[in-house]
Amino acid sequence: MSIKIYPVSERFDPVKPVSEKMIATDNLVVVHFYLKEGQKIPLHASKSDVFVTVLKGKGKFYYGSENSYEALETGESLYYQPEEPHGFEAEEDMIVQAIISPNPQKKITL
């Protein structure tokens, strides 16, 4: 079964960033983040791999600390390793897609 997650609808909030879970399985989660210029997702870490792509706009994508970052714009991506502190800040209105694998909310049994 396939699931279409586009087109992206803009869900900006003037007060705080908005996140929207597009799909979640045991293997991955796809989340869209909507940030107005100046809004930020603070540094945090995940036990999963995280792959982010800027769908619209541009911003700073932090890794390790807010002193280390990559500037990304529409169409560019960045990969974060598990447990790597990461976050991002919009330099203009920005939509970011994050693919997180495995789903950190699911228990994996071996």
Protein backbone atom coordinates (compact mmCIF):
# COMPACT_ATOMS: atom_id res chain seq x y z
CA MET A 1 0.00 0.00 0.00
CA SER A 2 1.28 3.47 -0.80
CA ILE A 3 0.33 6.73 0.88
CA LYS A 4 0.69 10.12 -0.77
CA ILE A 5 1.83 12.82 1.66
CA TYR A 6 1.95 15.74 -0.79
CA PRO A 7 0.99 18.43 -1.59
CA VAL A 8 2.20 20.27 1.47
CA SER A 9 -0.34 22.65 2.96
CA GLU A 10 1.08 25.56 4.92
CA ARG A 11 0.13 25.48 8.60
CA PHE A 12 2.16 28.34 10.05
CA ASP A 13 1.41 29.79 13.50
CA PRO A 14 2.66 33.31 14.28
CA VAL A 15 3.45 32.35 17.90
CA LYS A 16 5.19 28.95 17.78
CA PRO A 17 6.42 26.28 15.36
CA VAL A 18 3.85 23.73 14.21
CA SER A 19 4.58 20.03 13.70
CA GLU A 20 2.39 17.62 11.78
CA LYS A 21 2.91 13.86 11.76
CA MET A 22 2.31 12.77 8.18
CA ILE A 23 2.77 9.03 8.64
CA ALA A 24 4.02 6.70 11.36
CA THR A 25 4.92 3.02 11.10
CA ASP A 26 7.13 0.76 13.21
CA ASN A 27 9.99 1.57 10.84
CA LEU A 28 9.74 5.34 10.42
CA VAL A 29 7.97 8.60 11.12
CA VAL A 30 7.58 11.46 8.65
CA VAL A 31 6.96 14.84 10.28
CA HIS A 32 6.49 18.27 8.70
CA PHE A 33 7.55 21.34 10.67
CA TYR A 34 6.21 24.81 9.83
CA LEU A 35 8.27 27.70 11.18
CA LYS A 36 7.81 31.42 10.70
CA GLU A 37 10.96 33.51 10.34
CA GLY A 38 12.85 33.52 13.67
CA GLN A 39 11.08 30.47 15.14
CA LYS A 40 13.23 27.60 16.38
CA ILE A 41 13.12 23.91 17.18
CA PRO A 42 15.53 23.73 20.15
CA LEU A 43 18.43 21.31 20.35
CA HIS A 44 17.35 17.80 21.24
CA ALA A 45 18.53 14.24 20.54
CA SER A 46 16.84 11.12 19.19
CA LYS A 47 17.81 7.48 19.41
CA SER A 48 16.92 7.23 15.70
CA ASP A 49 18.47 8.37 12.43
CA VAL A 50 17.01 11.70 11.32
CA PHE A 51 17.04 12.97 7.73
CA VAL A 52 15.70 16.51 7.20
CA THR A 53 14.86 18.26 3.93
CA VAL A 54 13.84 21.89 3.49
CA LEU A 55 10.66 21.87 1.42
CA LYS A 56 10.36 25.67 1.44
CA GLY A 57 12.44 28.56 2.77
CA LYS A 58 15.83 28.55 4.46
CA GLY A 59 17.33 28.21 7.90
CA LYS A 60 20.15 27.17 10.18
CA PHE A 61 20.36 23.48 11.07
CA TYR A 62 22.29 22.93 14.28
CA TYR A 63 24.35 19.85 15.10
CA GLY A 64 26.04 19.30 18.46
CA SER A 65 25.45 22.89 19.60
CA GLU A 66 24.07 26.16 18.30
CA ASN A 67 27.66 27.15 17.46
CA SER A 68 27.79 24.45 14.75
CA TYR A 69 25.30 24.60 11.92
CA GLU A 70 24.68 24.16 8.21
CA ALA A 71 22.66 26.75 6.31
CA LEU A 72 20.07 24.96 4.17
CA GLU A 73 17.49 26.23 1.69
CA THR A 74 14.71 24.75 -0.42
CA GLY A 75 15.64 21.31 -1.74
CA GLU A 76 18.66 20.76 0.53
CA SER A 77 18.95 17.98 3.12
CA LEU A 78 20.96 17.01 6.18
CA TYR A 79 21.43 13.71 8.04
CA TYR A 80 21.75 13.44 11.83
CA GLN A 81 23.15 10.34 13.50
CA PRO A 82 21.36 8.73 16.46
CA GLU A 83 21.92 10.64 19.74
CA GLU A 84 23.40 13.64 17.87
CA PRO A 85 21.99 16.88 19.33
CA HIS A 86 20.16 18.76 16.60
CA GLY A 87 17.64 21.54 16.01
CA PHE A 88 16.90 24.29 13.52
CA GLU A 89 15.89 27.93 13.17
CA ALA A 90 14.03 29.60 10.30
CA GLU A 91 15.78 32.51 8.59
CA GLU A 92 12.59 32.97 6.55
CA ASP A 93 9.28 31.11 6.66
CA MET A 94 10.30 27.48 6.33
CA ILE A 95 8.77 24.03 5.92
CA VAL A 96 10.97 21.09 6.92
CA GLN A 97 10.30 17.40 6.39
CA ALA A 98 11.95 15.05 8.89
CA ILE A 99 12.21 11.33 8.25
CA ILE A 100 12.98 9.52 11.51
CA SER A 101 13.91 5.85 11.49
CA PRO A 102 13.22 3.68 13.32
CA ASN A 103 10.13 5.19 14.88
CA PRO A 104 11.36 6.26 18.34
CA GLN A 105 7.86 5.76 19.78
CA LYS A 106 7.72 2.05 18.88
CA LYS A 107 9.28 -0.69 20.99
CA ILE A 108 11.50 -2.98 19.00
CA THR A 109 11.49 -6.60 20.10
CA LEU A 110 14.25 -8.96 19.07
